[in-house]
């Protein structure tokens, strides 16, 4: 891996949260697509991710990339039980909005909109922040996600009680925690490795 930081002085970097489809530019050289080894391609899980500079950068450690991707897929795509996909995406959007990750917020806000059909509410979360009123069930999901984002010990009995009061059962509460916690980690990784780009 090169130790040279890649700069993008001409990047038209977005400065507002959006549901637009954004690009992402790495600050370290990713593995070239044609140079990916069989092990690195296996770590991607989805072959299409070889097109992404972010995933090719993470492919420097294919075992960790594979574990990360399988965890991601289980949290957001395994919706046979527990929280609906829209609210898992809402938890990720709230964590990303609070952490300031414009790229991650854009991706998961779009998914939250697709699965909930509540584009105006998702836009309000992005525009006004995590304190906006989205109705009590979504407010409880956002508040729990923000508490986990601030610091894990800020999340506790009050957030659990509010989620239960909003109608979430144990499995759904676990899904809120998983979605927000995963994106607390993912946001910090992405924010430290590159910058968003308008397409």
C-alpha atoms as a PDB file:
ATOM      1  CA  UNK A   1       0.000   0.000   0.000  1.00  0.00           C
ATOM      2  CA  UNK A   2       1.247   3.454  -0.822  1.00  0.00           C
ATOM      3  CA  UNK A   3       1.833   5.803   2.089  1.00  0.00           C
ATOM      4  CA  UNK A   4       1.034   8.782  -0.109  1.00  0.00           C
ATOM      5  CA  UNK A   5      -2.170  10.637   0.685  1.00  0.00           C
ATOM      6  CA  UNK A   6      -4.264  11.218  -2.416  1.00  0.00           C
ATOM      7  CA  UNK A   7      -5.708  14.730  -2.593  1.00  0.00           C
ATOM      8  CA  UNK A   8      -8.696  15.779  -4.669  1.00  0.00           C
ATOM      9  CA  UNK A   9      -8.419  19.575  -4.981  1.00  0.00           C
ATOM     10  CA  UNK A  10     -11.025  19.742  -7.757  1.00  0.00           C
ATOM     11  CA  UNK A  11     -13.611  17.636  -5.933  1.00  0.00           C
ATOM     12  CA  UNK A  12     -17.049  19.241  -5.789  1.00  0.00           C
ATOM     13  CA  UNK A  13     -17.660  17.950  -2.280  1.00  0.00           C
ATOM     14  CA  UNK A  14     -21.255  18.151  -1.029  1.00  0.00           C
ATOM     15  CA  UNK A  15     -21.698  20.237   2.110  1.00  0.00           C
ATOM     16  CA  UNK A  16     -25.353  19.408   2.844  1.00  0.00           C
ATOM     17  CA  UNK A  17     -27.064  16.131   3.645  1.00  0.00           C
ATOM     18  CA  UNK A  18     -28.946  14.776   0.669  1.00  0.00           C
ATOM     19  CA  UNK A  19     -30.672  11.710  -0.739  1.00  0.00           C
ATOM     20  CA  UNK A  20     -28.808  12.226  -4.012  1.00  0.00           C
ATOM     21  CA  UNK A  21     -26.610   9.416  -5.330  1.00  0.00           C
ATOM     22  CA  UNK A  22     -23.078  10.507  -4.318  1.00  0.00           C
ATOM     23  CA  UNK A  23     -19.651   9.225  -5.242  1.00  0.00           C
ATOM     24  CA  UNK A  24     -16.721   8.771  -2.849  1.00  0.00           C
ATOM     25  CA  UNK A  25     -13.011   9.506  -3.323  1.00  0.00           C
ATOM     26  CA  UNK A  26     -10.346   7.635  -1.307  1.00  0.00           C
ATOM     27  CA  UNK A  27      -7.355   9.320   0.336  1.00  0.00           C
ATOM     28  CA  UNK A  28      -5.292   6.131   0.010  1.00  0.00           C
ATOM     29  CA  UNK A  29      -4.797   4.095  -3.135  1.00  0.00           C
ATOM     30  CA  UNK A  30      -7.322   1.255  -3.404  1.00  0.00           C
ATOM     31  CA  UNK A  31      -6.433  -2.051  -5.014  1.00  0.00           C
ATOM     32  CA  UNK A  32      -6.897  -1.728  -8.781  1.00  0.00           C
ATOM     33  CA  UNK A  33      -9.898  -3.733  -9.936  1.00  0.00           C
ATOM     34  CA  UNK A  34      -7.806  -5.815 -12.314  1.00  0.00           C
ATOM     35  CA  UNK A  35      -5.279  -6.553  -9.536  1.00  0.00           C
ATOM     36  CA  UNK A  36      -7.790  -7.991  -7.037  1.00  0.00           C
ATOM     37  CA  UNK A  37      -6.756 -11.490  -5.975  1.00  0.00           C
ATOM     38  CA  UNK A  38      -9.205 -14.372  -5.722  1.00  0.00           C
ATOM     39  CA  UNK A  39      -9.149 -13.978  -1.914  1.00  0.00           C
ATOM     40  CA  UNK A  40      -9.866 -10.261  -2.157  1.00  0.00           C
ATOM     41  CA  UNK A  41     -12.756 -10.880  -4.566  1.00  0.00           C
ATOM     42  CA  UNK A  42     -14.175 -13.443  -2.136  1.00  0.00           C
ATOM     43  CA  UNK A  43     -13.971 -10.833   0.623  1.00  0.00           C
ATOM     44  CA  UNK A  44     -16.158  -8.477  -1.412  1.00  0.00           C
ATOM     45  CA  UNK A  45     -19.030 -11.027  -1.226  1.00  0.00           C
ATOM     46  CA  UNK A  46     -20.788  -9.237  -4.129  1.00  0.00           C
ATOM     47  CA  UNK A  47     -18.732  -9.139  -7.343  1.00  0.00           C
ATOM     48  CA  UNK A  48     -20.244  -5.742  -8.236  1.00  0.00           C
ATOM     49  CA  UNK A  49     -18.443  -4.183  -5.267  1.00  0.00           C
ATOM     50  CA  UNK A  50     -15.187  -4.495  -7.242  1.00  0.00           C
ATOM     51  CA  UNK A  51     -16.315  -1.275  -8.970  1.00  0.00           C
ATOM     52  CA  UNK A  52     -16.265   0.626  -5.648  1.00  0.00           C
ATOM     53  CA  UNK A  53     -13.031   2.353  -4.597  1.00  0.00           C
ATOM     54  CA  UNK A  54     -14.172   2.090  -0.970  1.00  0.00           C
ATOM     55  CA  UNK A  55     -14.549  -1.684  -1.044  1.00  0.00           C
ATOM     56  CA  UNK A  56     -11.339  -2.118  -3.050  1.00  0.00           C
ATOM     57  CA  UNK A  57      -9.544  -0.104  -0.368  1.00  0.00           C
ATOM     58  CA  UNK A  58     -10.999  -2.338   2.354  1.00  0.00           C
ATOM     59  CA  UNK A  59      -9.967  -5.352   0.261  1.00  0.00           C
ATOM     60  CA  UNK A  60      -6.405  -4.731   1.523  1.00  0.00           C
ATOM     61  CA  UNK A  61      -7.594  -6.930   4.408  1.00  0.00           C
ATOM     62  CA  UNK A  62     -10.003  -9.377   2.771  1.00  0.00           C
ATOM     63  CA  UNK A  63     -10.814 -11.365   5.921  1.00  0.00           C
ATOM     64  CA  UNK A  64     -11.992  -8.260   7.771  1.00  0.00           C
ATOM     65  CA  UNK A  65     -13.832  -6.997   4.670  1.00  0.00           C
ATOM     66  CA  UNK A  66     -15.649 -10.324   4.401  1.00  0.00           C
ATOM     67  CA  UNK A  67     -16.660 -10.293   8.085  1.00  0.00           C
ATOM     68  CA  UNK A  68     -17.762  -6.657   7.784  1.00  0.00           C
ATOM     69  CA  UNK A  69     -19.849  -7.309   4.689  1.00  0.00           C
ATOM     70  CA  UNK A  70     -21.565 -10.418   6.060  1.00  0.00           C
ATOM     71  CA  UNK A  71     -22.450  -8.483   9.223  1.00  0.00           C
ATOM     72  CA  UNK A  72     -23.795  -5.579   7.153  1.00  0.00           C
ATOM     73  CA  UNK A  73     -25.944  -7.887   5.030  1.00  0.00           C
ATOM     74  CA  UNK A  74     -27.339  -9.738   8.027  1.00  0.00           C
ATOM     75  CA  UNK A  75     -28.328  -6.510   9.781  1.00  0.00           C
ATOM     76  CA  UNK A  76     -30.005  -4.846   6.810  1.00  0.00           C
ATOM     77  CA  UNK A  77     -31.229  -7.679   4.576  1.00  0.00           C
ATOM     78  CA  UNK A  78     -32.255 -10.387   7.054  1.00  0.00           C
ATOM     79  CA  UNK A  79     -35.716  -8.964   7.706  1.00  0.00           C
ATOM     80  CA  UNK A  80     -37.694 -12.188   8.143  1.00  0.00           C
ATOM     81  CA  UNK A  81     -38.116 -11.229  11.823  1.00  0.00           C
ATOM     82  CA  UNK A  82     -37.580  -8.065  13.786  1.00  0.00           C
ATOM     83  CA  UNK A  83     -37.625  -4.502  12.542  1.00  0.00           C
ATOM     84  CA  UNK A  84     -38.865  -3.610   9.041  1.00  0.00           C
ATOM     85  CA  UNK A  85     -36.074  -2.711   6.612  1.00  0.00           C
ATOM     86  CA  UNK A  86     -37.186   0.944   6.543  1.00  0.00           C
ATOM     87  CA  UNK A  87     -36.537   1.392  10.263  1.00  0.00           C
ATOM     88  CA  UNK A  88     -33.182  -0.393  10.127  1.00  0.00           C
ATOM     89  CA  UNK A  89     -32.239   2.110   7.425  1.00  0.00           C
ATOM     90  CA  UNK A  90     -33.650   4.918   9.577  1.00  0.00           C
ATOM     91  CA  UNK A  91     -31.323   3.896  12.437  1.00  0.00           C
ATOM     92  CA  UNK A  92     -28.342   3.946  10.041  1.00  0.00           C
ATOM     93  CA  UNK A  93     -29.425   7.313   8.627  1.00  0.00           C
ATOM     94  CA  UNK A  94     -29.797   8.843  12.100  1.00  0.00           C
ATOM     95  CA  UNK A  95     -26.354   7.606  13.185  1.00  0.00           C
ATOM     96  CA  UNK A  96     -24.809   8.879   9.932  1.00  0.00           C
ATOM     97  CA  UNK A  97     -26.596  12.257  10.208  1.00  0.00           C
ATOM     98  CA  UNK A  98     -25.375  12.674  13.783  1.00  0.00           C
ATOM     99  CA  UNK A  99     -21.822  11.587  12.900  1.00  0.00           C
ATOM    100  CA  UNK A 100     -21.676  13.942   9.905  1.00  0.00           C
ATOM    101  CA  UNK A 101     -21.160  11.212   7.299  1.00  0.00           C
ATOM    102  CA  UNK A 102     -22.854  12.802   4.266  1.00  0.00           C
ATOM    103  CA  UNK A 103     -22.068   9.817   2.034  1.00  0.00           C
ATOM    104  CA  UNK A 104     -23.459   7.112   4.367  1.00  0.00           C
ATOM    105  CA  UNK A 105     -26.490   9.263   5.224  1.00  0.00           C
ATOM    106  CA  UNK A 106     -27.294   9.646   1.515  1.00  0.00           C
ATOM    107  CA  UNK A 107     -27.192   5.894   0.890  1.00  0.00           C
ATOM    108  CA  UNK A 108     -29.311   4.888   3.868  1.00  0.00           C
ATOM    109  CA  UNK A 109     -31.718   7.812   3.556  1.00  0.00           C
ATOM    110  CA  UNK A 110     -32.525   6.618   0.035  1.00  0.00           C
ATOM    111  CA  UNK A 111     -33.131   3.085   1.326  1.00  0.00           C
ATOM    112  CA  UNK A 112     -35.285   4.447   4.187  1.00  0.00           C
ATOM    113  CA  UNK A 113     -37.342   6.366   1.644  1.00  0.00           C
ATOM    114  CA  UNK A 114     -37.705   3.402  -0.718  1.00  0.00           C
ATOM    115  CA  UNK A 115     -38.831   1.046   2.017  1.00  0.00           C
ATOM    116  CA  UNK A 116     -41.008   3.485   3.990  1.00  0.00           C
ATOM    117  CA  UNK A 117     -42.388   5.723   1.210  1.00  0.00           C
ATOM    118  CA  UNK A 118     -41.816   8.631   3.658  1.00  0.00           C
ATOM    119  CA  UNK A 119     -39.444  10.769   1.595  1.00  0.00           C
ATOM    120  CA  UNK A 120     -40.573  14.044   3.160  1.00  0.00           C
ATOM    121  CA  UNK A 121     -39.878  12.742   6.671  1.00  0.00           C
ATOM    122  CA  UNK A 122     -36.468  11.406   5.641  1.00  0.00           C
ATOM    123  CA  UNK A 123     -35.658  14.746   3.993  1.00  0.00           C
ATOM    124  CA  UNK A 124     -36.654  16.522   7.205  1.00  0.00           C
ATOM    125  CA  UNK A 125     -34.308  14.291   9.221  1.00  0.00           C
ATOM    126  CA  UNK A 126     -31.471  15.193   6.847  1.00  0.00           C
ATOM    127  CA  UNK A 127     -32.317  18.904   6.670  1.00  0.00           C
ATOM    128  CA  UNK A 128     -33.278  19.640  10.278  1.00  0.00           C
ATOM    129  CA  UNK A 129     -31.258  17.020  12.121  1.00  0.00           C
ATOM    130  CA  UNK A 130     -31.950  14.264  14.599  1.00  0.00           C
ATOM    131  CA  UNK A 131     -34.196  16.434  16.791  1.00  0.00           C
ATOM    132  CA  UNK A 132     -36.910  16.841  14.173  1.00  0.00           C
ATOM    133  CA  UNK A 133     -40.356  15.363  14.854  1.00  0.00           C
ATOM    134  CA  UNK A 134     -41.015  12.241  12.752  1.00  0.00           C
ATOM    135  CA  UNK A 135     -43.785  10.713  14.835  1.00  0.00           C
ATOM    136  CA  UNK A 136     -43.163   8.834  18.083  1.00  0.00           C
ATOM    137  CA  UNK A 137     -42.088   5.454  16.657  1.00  0.00           C
ATOM    138  CA  UNK A 138     -39.494   7.001  14.351  1.00  0.00           C
ATOM    139  CA  UNK A 139     -38.543   9.550  17.026  1.00  0.00           C
ATOM    140  CA  UNK A 140     -37.794   6.675  19.417  1.00  0.00           C
ATOM    141  CA  UNK A 141     -35.652   4.888  16.810  1.00  0.00           C
ATOM    142  CA  UNK A 142     -33.738   8.097  16.060  1.00  0.00           C
ATOM    143  CA  UNK A 143     -33.242   8.934  19.763  1.00  0.00           C
ATOM    144  CA  UNK A 144     -31.904   5.447  20.523  1.00  0.00           C
ATOM    145  CA  UNK A 145     -29.572   5.614  17.510  1.00  0.00           C
ATOM    146  CA  UNK A 146     -28.276   9.037  18.562  1.00  0.00           C
ATOM    147  CA  UNK A 147     -27.679   7.872  22.135  1.00  0.00           C
ATOM    148  CA  UNK A 148     -25.563   4.986  20.815  1.00  0.00           C
ATOM    149  CA  UNK A 149     -23.783   7.394  18.498  1.00  0.00           C
ATOM    150  CA  UNK A 150     -22.880   9.824  21.285  1.00  0.00           C
ATOM    151  CA  UNK A 151     -21.310   7.034  23.317  1.00  0.00           C
ATOM    152  CA  UNK A 152     -22.558   3.502  23.988  1.00  0.00           C
ATOM    153  CA  UNK A 153     -23.051   4.202  27.696  1.00  0.00           C
ATOM    154  CA  UNK A 154     -25.485   7.010  26.827  1.00  0.00           C
ATOM    155  CA  UNK A 155     -27.867   4.291  25.638  1.00  0.00           C
ATOM    156  CA  UNK A 156     -29.753   2.595  28.411  1.00  0.00           C
ATOM    157  CA  UNK A 157     -33.069   1.913  30.147  1.00  0.00           C
ATOM    158  CA  UNK A 158     -34.669   5.204  29.069  1.00  0.00           C
ATOM    159  CA  UNK A 159     -34.111   4.468  25.359  1.00  0.00           C
ATOM    160  CA  UNK A 160     -35.310   0.870  25.785  1.00  0.00           C
ATOM    161  CA  UNK A 161     -38.453   2.054  27.585  1.00  0.00           C
ATOM    162  CA  UNK A 162     -39.179   4.624  24.874  1.00  0.00           C
ATOM    163  CA  UNK A 163     -38.744   2.024  22.127  1.00  0.00           C
ATOM    164  CA  UNK A 164     -41.067  -0.378  23.963  1.00  0.00           C
ATOM    165  CA  UNK A 165     -43.610   2.402  24.484  1.00  0.00           C
ATOM    166  CA  UNK A 166     -43.470   3.107  20.734  1.00  0.00           C
ATOM    167  CA  UNK A 167     -44.429  -0.521  20.093  1.00  0.00           C
ATOM    168  CA  UNK A 168     -41.088  -2.225  19.401  1.00  0.00           C
ATOM    169  CA  UNK A 169     -40.543  -5.756  20.713  1.00  0.00           C
ATOM    170  CA  UNK A 170     -37.224  -7.247  21.835  1.00  0.00           C
ATOM    171  CA  UNK A 171     -36.139  -8.410  18.365  1.00  0.00           C
ATOM    172  CA  UNK A 172     -36.937  -5.007  16.879  1.00  0.00           C
ATOM    173  CA  UNK A 173     -34.986  -3.211  19.605  1.00  0.00           C
ATOM    174  CA  UNK A 174     -31.969  -5.443  18.882  1.00  0.00           C
ATOM    175  CA  UNK A 175     -32.251  -4.460  15.210  1.00  0.00           C
ATOM    176  CA  UNK A 176     -32.225  -0.742  16.100  1.00  0.00           C
ATOM    177  CA  UNK A 177     -29.085  -1.316  18.163  1.00  0.00           C
ATOM    178  CA  UNK A 178     -27.440  -3.343  15.384  1.00  0.00           C
ATOM    179  CA  UNK A 179     -28.219  -0.794  12.660  1.00  0.00           C
ATOM    180  CA  UNK A 180     -27.026   2.210  14.655  1.00  0.00           C
ATOM    181  CA  UNK A 181     -23.981   0.494  16.151  1.00  0.00           C
ATOM    182  CA  UNK A 182     -22.793  -0.843  12.813  1.00  0.00           C
ATOM    183  CA  UNK A 183     -23.006   2.610  11.287  1.00  0.00           C
ATOM    184  CA  UNK A 184     -21.207   4.242  14.167  1.00  0.00           C
ATOM    185  CA  UNK A 185     -18.279   2.053  13.190  1.00  0.00           C
ATOM    186  CA  UNK A 186     -18.822   2.357   9.425  1.00  0.00           C
ATOM    187  CA  UNK A 187     -19.134   6.163   9.524  1.00  0.00           C
ATOM    188  CA  UNK A 188     -15.877   6.575  11.404  1.00  0.00           C
ATOM    189  CA  UNK A 189     -14.072   4.280   8.989  1.00  0.00           C
ATOM    190  CA  UNK A 190     -15.450   6.011   5.898  1.00  0.00           C
ATOM    191  CA  UNK A 191     -14.871   9.536   7.265  1.00  0.00           C
ATOM    192  CA  UNK A 192     -11.233   8.683   7.946  1.00  0.00           C
ATOM    193  CA  UNK A 193     -10.516   7.158   4.526  1.00  0.00           C
ATOM    194  CA  UNK A 194     -11.940   9.598   1.981  1.00  0.00           C
ATOM    195  CA  UNK A 195     -14.509  12.215   1.039  1.00  0.00           C
ATOM    196  CA  UNK A 196     -17.913  12.331  -0.704  1.00  0.00           C
ATOM    197  CA  UNK A 197     -18.261  13.586  -4.250  1.00  0.00           C
ATOM    198  CA  UNK A 198     -21.189  14.990  -6.205  1.00  0.00           C
ATOM    199  CA  UNK A 199     -21.785  12.940  -9.352  1.00  0.00           C
END
